[in-house]
């Protein structure tokens, strides 16, 4: 490699180091605050350490493990439903012309355009009349409403770039529409499906206000445990919950990535 190539890579390396620092620095601060009992301003490092935050978080009365498991299952359900509905909606918007197509495109952005508080209050009234308030189904539906715009837009762009030619060739060779989609289109869509599931999962997992409002306090998630401690200024306990939030989310992302890659690889082997 020439000296000129080395010099041209320096800005890129500095940019990557900057990104790594902005990602890792908050995690280091979270770890420090989790074990800190006193960190007065303007000290650069804590002056004393304690296990109080971990003792509080993992205390039996905190019900951390059941709440974490239920939060993960709820968000995974939302992510799966969002990916399925988003993929089917994207295919309809890309490949078919029908009455109201423009309206559906507009509605896919509505939850992100309308202010969250206005949307939450309006949907809460509707859910009360439909007997969906204070229920798990209601929380899943309201999370799904918020996550679908991301899934639909991700899958619409990917579906448009892939096209339908491969499926049509499979039809000509005698494959059924279902087999053509499962063995040909779905492996091609796998990166988008993973991206839409990740986006839907993190959006659902981090929802506090909607979960509290629609769930009525009966549906407990990790966010409903974490946010009150952050709001009242208990940084040690809030950081402990935030650290668990980050680690559990990364674990789920890694698992989803490996599962989708394994399924795609298995489909390729069966095709060969």
Protein backbone atom coordinates (compact mmCIF):
# COMPACT_ATOMS: atom_id res chain seq x y z
CA UNK A 1 0.00 0.00 0.00
CA UNK A 2 1.39 3.38 -0.99
CA UNK A 3 1.84 6.36 1.31
CA UNK A 4 -0.91 8.18 -0.60
CA UNK A 5 -3.43 5.38 0.09
CA UNK A 6 -2.45 5.37 3.75
CA UNK A 7 -2.98 9.11 4.09
CA UNK A 8 -6.35 8.89 2.33
CA UNK A 9 -7.53 6.31 4.88
CA UNK A 10 -6.69 8.47 7.90
CA UNK A 11 -9.93 10.55 7.82
CA UNK A 12 -11.98 7.37 7.47
CA UNK A 13 -10.20 5.74 10.40
CA UNK A 14 -10.66 8.86 12.53
CA UNK A 15 -14.36 8.89 11.65
CA UNK A 16 -14.72 5.20 12.61
CA UNK A 17 -12.88 5.81 15.88
CA UNK A 18 -15.20 8.73 16.60
CA UNK A 19 -18.26 6.55 15.98
CA UNK A 20 -16.85 3.81 18.23
CA UNK A 21 -16.18 6.36 20.96
CA UNK A 22 -19.70 7.82 20.79
CA UNK A 23 -21.13 4.30 21.12
CA UNK A 24 -18.83 2.95 23.83
CA UNK A 25 -18.47 6.06 26.00
CA UNK A 26 -22.12 6.08 27.17
CA UNK A 27 -21.87 2.36 27.98
CA UNK A 28 -18.78 2.98 30.11
CA UNK A 29 -20.62 5.76 31.95
CA UNK A 30 -23.60 3.45 32.52
CA UNK A 31 -21.31 0.82 34.03
CA UNK A 32 -19.64 3.40 36.28
CA UNK A 33 -22.96 4.84 37.47
CA UNK A 34 -24.28 1.33 38.19
CA UNK A 35 -21.53 0.81 40.79
CA UNK A 36 -21.37 4.42 42.01
CA UNK A 37 -22.72 5.69 45.30
CA UNK A 38 -21.27 9.22 45.03
CA UNK A 39 -20.03 11.12 41.98
CA UNK A 40 -19.98 14.85 42.78
CA UNK A 41 -19.42 17.56 40.22
CA UNK A 42 -16.81 18.36 38.82
CA UNK A 43 -14.91 15.16 39.66
CA UNK A 44 -13.93 13.17 36.58
CA UNK A 45 -14.38 9.83 38.36
CA UNK A 46 -16.69 8.60 41.16
CA UNK A 47 -15.48 9.15 44.70
CA UNK A 48 -17.13 6.04 46.16
CA UNK A 49 -18.63 2.80 44.89
CA UNK A 50 -21.51 0.63 46.05
CA UNK A 51 -23.58 -2.41 45.05
CA UNK A 52 -26.83 -0.73 46.14
CA UNK A 53 -28.17 -0.40 42.59
CA UNK A 54 -27.67 -4.08 41.77
CA UNK A 55 -29.13 -5.12 45.11
CA UNK A 56 -32.23 -3.02 44.44
CA UNK A 57 -32.63 -4.14 40.83
CA UNK A 58 -32.21 -7.85 41.56
CA UNK A 59 -34.19 -7.80 44.80
CA UNK A 60 -37.12 -10.26 44.85
CA UNK A 61 -39.70 -7.49 45.21
CA UNK A 62 -38.44 -5.79 42.01
CA UNK A 63 -39.58 -8.78 39.87
CA UNK A 64 -36.89 -8.00 37.31
CA UNK A 65 -36.64 -11.41 35.65
CA UNK A 66 -40.41 -11.96 35.07
CA UNK A 67 -40.74 -8.37 33.82
CA UNK A 68 -37.74 -8.73 31.51
CA UNK A 69 -39.00 -12.01 30.06
CA UNK A 70 -42.50 -10.61 29.49
CA UNK A 71 -41.03 -7.47 27.89
CA UNK A 72 -38.90 -9.54 25.51
CA UNK A 73 -41.82 -11.79 24.55
CA UNK A 74 -44.12 -8.80 24.01
CA UNK A 75 -41.57 -6.99 21.82
CA UNK A 76 -40.71 -10.15 19.87
CA UNK A 77 -44.41 -10.67 19.16
CA UNK A 78 -44.71 -7.09 17.93
CA UNK A 79 -41.53 -7.45 15.84
CA UNK A 80 -42.74 -10.66 14.20
CA UNK A 81 -46.21 -9.31 13.44
CA UNK A 82 -44.72 -6.05 12.17
CA UNK A 83 -42.36 -7.89 9.81
CA UNK A 84 -45.16 -10.11 8.45
CA UNK A 85 -47.71 -7.31 7.96
CA UNK A 86 -45.02 -4.92 6.70
CA UNK A 87 -43.76 -7.41 4.10
CA UNK A 88 -47.23 -8.22 2.78
CA UNK A 89 -48.24 -4.53 2.71
CA UNK A 90 -45.01 -3.59 0.93
CA UNK A 91 -45.60 -6.25 -1.75
CA UNK A 92 -49.14 -4.97 -2.29
CA UNK A 93 -47.95 -1.37 -2.61
CA UNK A 94 -45.11 -2.26 -5.02
CA UNK A 95 -46.69 -4.89 -7.27
CA UNK A 96 -50.40 -3.95 -7.42
CA UNK A 97 -52.55 -0.96 -8.27
CA UNK A 98 -55.77 -0.60 -6.31
CA UNK A 99 -58.18 2.03 -5.05
CA UNK A 100 -56.86 3.86 -1.99
CA UNK A 101 -53.20 2.99 -2.59
CA UNK A 102 -52.10 6.60 -2.08
CA UNK A 103 -54.11 6.84 1.14
CA UNK A 104 -52.44 3.71 2.52
CA UNK A 105 -49.02 5.20 1.73
CA UNK A 106 -49.99 8.32 3.66
CA UNK A 107 -51.37 6.31 6.58
CA UNK A 108 -48.12 4.39 6.89
CA UNK A 109 -46.51 7.66 7.98
CA UNK A 110 -49.39 8.94 10.12
CA UNK A 111 -48.19 7.61 13.51
CA UNK A 112 -44.87 9.40 12.97
CA UNK A 113 -46.46 12.64 11.75
CA UNK A 114 -49.12 13.03 14.44
CA UNK A 115 -47.69 14.11 17.84
CA UNK A 116 -47.30 11.14 20.16
CA UNK A 117 -49.40 12.57 23.00
CA UNK A 118 -52.30 13.42 20.68
CA UNK A 119 -52.17 9.98 19.10
CA UNK A 120 -51.97 8.21 22.47
CA UNK A 121 -54.93 10.08 23.95
CA UNK A 122 -57.08 9.46 20.86
CA UNK A 123 -56.22 5.77 20.59
CA UNK A 124 -56.82 5.35 24.33
CA UNK A 125 -60.40 6.55 23.97
CA UNK A 126 -60.95 4.17 21.06
CA UNK A 127 -59.44 1.24 22.97
CA UNK A 128 -61.64 1.94 26.01
CA UNK A 129 -64.73 1.69 23.80
CA UNK A 130 -63.38 -1.52 22.22
CA UNK A 131 -62.51 -3.02 25.65
CA UNK A 132 -58.85 -3.20 24.64
CA UNK A 133 -57.57 -0.79 27.30
CA UNK A 134 -55.65 -2.33 30.20
CA UNK A 135 -55.05 -5.51 28.18
CA UNK A 136 -51.99 -7.18 26.68
CA UNK A 137 -53.68 -7.35 23.26
CA UNK A 138 -54.26 -3.59 23.37
CA UNK A 139 -50.60 -2.92 24.15
CA UNK A 140 -49.47 -5.20 21.31
CA UNK A 141 -51.82 -3.46 18.85
CA UNK A 142 -50.73 0.06 19.83
CA UNK A 143 -47.07 -0.95 19.59
CA UNK A 144 -47.79 -2.49 16.20
CA UNK A 145 -49.37 0.76 14.99
CA UNK A 146 -46.17 2.60 15.89
CA UNK A 147 -43.77 0.03 14.41
CA UNK A 148 -45.55 -0.72 11.13
CA UNK A 149 -44.47 2.50 9.34
CA UNK A 150 -40.81 1.51 9.80
CA UNK A 151 -41.38 -2.06 8.64
CA UNK A 152 -43.48 -1.09 5.63
CA UNK A 153 -41.03 1.54 4.39
CA UNK A 154 -38.00 -0.73 4.86
CA UNK A 155 -39.65 -3.64 3.08
CA UNK A 156 -41.17 -1.47 0.34
CA UNK A 157 -37.79 -0.14 -0.76
CA UNK A 158 -36.21 -3.61 -0.67
CA UNK A 159 -39.14 -5.25 -2.46
CA UNK A 160 -39.02 -2.61 -5.18
CA UNK A 161 -35.28 -3.16 -5.73
CA UNK A 162 -35.59 -6.97 -5.88
CA UNK A 163 -38.62 -6.97 -8.15
CA UNK A 164 -40.80 -9.93 -9.09
CA UNK A 165 -38.82 -11.44 -11.98
CA UNK A 166 -37.38 -14.34 -9.97
CA UNK A 167 -40.84 -15.31 -8.74
CA UNK A 168 -42.26 -15.19 -12.24
CA UNK A 169 -39.51 -17.47 -13.50
CA UNK A 170 -40.34 -19.92 -10.71
CA UNK A 171 -44.01 -19.84 -11.79
CA UNK A 172 -42.96 -20.71 -15.34
CA UNK A 173 -40.94 -23.68 -14.02
CA UNK A 174 -43.99 -24.99 -12.16
CA UNK A 175 -43.51 -23.70 -8.61
CA UNK A 176 -46.55 -22.62 -6.64
CA UNK A 177 -46.80 -18.99 -5.45
CA UNK A 178 -46.22 -20.07 -1.83
CA UNK A 179 -43.11 -22.14 -2.61
CA UNK A 180 -41.79 -19.43 -4.89
CA UNK A 181 -42.12 -16.87 -2.10
CA UNK A 182 -40.64 -19.10 0.62
CA UNK A 183 -37.67 -20.49 -1.31
CA UNK A 184 -36.83 -17.60 -3.64
CA UNK A 185 -38.19 -14.24 -2.49
CA UNK A 186 -37.94 -14.67 1.27
CA UNK A 187 -34.15 -15.38 1.31
CA UNK A 188 -33.66 -12.26 -0.81
CA UNK A 189 -35.78 -10.26 1.62
CA UNK A 190 -34.00 -11.68 4.70
CA UNK A 191 -31.79 -8.61 5.34
CA UNK A 192 -34.82 -6.32 5.18
CA UNK A 193 -36.88 -8.63 7.37
CA UNK A 194 -34.08 -8.60 9.96
CA UNK A 195 -33.79 -4.81 9.79
CA UNK A 196 -37.56 -4.32 10.13
CA UNK A 197 -37.74 -6.77 13.06
CA UNK A 198 -34.85 -5.05 14.82
CA UNK A 199 -36.44 -1.64 14.35
CA UNK A 200 -39.84 -2.88 15.50
CA UNK A 201 -38.32 -4.66 18.49
CA UNK A 202 -36.37 -1.67 19.80
CA UNK A 203 -39.33 0.65 19.20
CA UNK A 204 -41.66 -1.65 21.14
CA UNK A 205 -39.12 -2.48 23.85
CA UNK A 206 -38.45 1.18 24.59
CA UNK A 207 -42.09 2.34 24.66
CA UNK A 208 -42.99 3.82 28.04
CA UNK A 209 -45.86 6.28 27.70
CA UNK A 210 -48.00 4.18 25.34
CA UNK A 211 -47.44 1.04 27.41
CA UNK A 212 -48.33 2.83 30.64
CA UNK A 213 -51.38 4.54 29.14
CA UNK A 214 -52.89 1.65 27.20
CA UNK A 215 -51.75 -1.00 29.69
CA UNK A 216 -53.15 0.99 32.60
CA UNK A 217 -50.24 -0.06 34.81
CA UNK A 218 -51.26 -3.71 34.56
CA UNK A 219 -48.82 -4.52 31.75
CA UNK A 220 -45.32 -4.11 33.21
CA UNK A 221 -42.28 -3.85 30.97
CA UNK A 222 -38.65 -3.03 31.59
CA UNK A 223 -39.25 0.53 30.42
CA UNK A 224 -42.00 1.07 33.00
CA UNK A 225 -39.55 -0.06 35.67
CA UNK A 226 -36.61 1.97 34.38
CA UNK A 227 -38.08 5.37 33.48
CA UNK A 228 -39.39 6.33 36.97
CA UNK A 229 -35.91 5.93 38.47
CA UNK A 230 -34.40 8.04 35.69
CA UNK A 231 -37.12 10.67 36.09
CA UNK A 232 -36.66 11.03 39.84
CA UNK A 233 -32.88 11.30 39.51
CA UNK A 234 -31.70 8.00 40.99
CA UNK A 235 -28.90 7.59 38.48
CA UNK A 236 -27.41 4.42 39.97
CA UNK A 237 -30.59 2.35 39.77
CA UNK A 238 -31.60 3.99 36.48
CA UNK A 239 -28.20 3.13 35.00
CA UNK A 240 -28.46 -0.46 36.22
CA UNK A 241 -31.82 -0.85 34.46
CA UNK A 242 -30.47 0.90 31.35
CA UNK A 243 -27.47 -1.45 31.26
CA UNK A 244 -29.78 -4.47 31.47
CA UNK A 245 -31.89 -2.87 28.73
CA UNK A 246 -28.89 -2.53 26.40
CA UNK A 247 -27.43 -5.98 27.09
CA UNK A 248 -30.77 -7.78 26.67
CA UNK A 249 -31.47 -5.89 23.43
CA UNK A 250 -28.05 -6.73 21.97
CA UNK A 251 -28.58 -10.39 22.91
CA UNK A 252 -31.95 -10.50 21.14
CA UNK A 253 -30.50 -8.79 18.04
CA UNK A 254 -27.68 -11.36 17.84
CA UNK A 255 -30.13 -14.24 18.24
CA UNK A 256 -32.49 -12.88 15.57
CA UNK A 257 -29.60 -12.30 13.19
CA UNK A 258 -28.34 -15.88 13.55
CA UNK A 259 -31.82 -17.41 13.28
CA UNK A 260 -32.65 -15.52 10.08
CA UNK A 261 -29.25 -16.28 8.54
CA UNK A 262 -29.61 -19.97 9.41
CA UNK A 263 -33.09 -20.12 7.88
CA UNK A 264 -31.85 -18.40 4.73
CA UNK A 265 -28.87 -20.76 4.48
CA UNK A 266 -31.15 -23.77 4.93
CA UNK A 267 -33.42 -22.54 2.13
CA UNK A 268 -30.38 -22.15 -0.15
CA UNK A 269 -29.20 -25.69 0.63
CA UNK A 270 -32.66 -27.11 -0.13
CA UNK A 271 -32.71 -25.24 -3.43
CA UNK A 272 -29.32 -26.70 -4.36
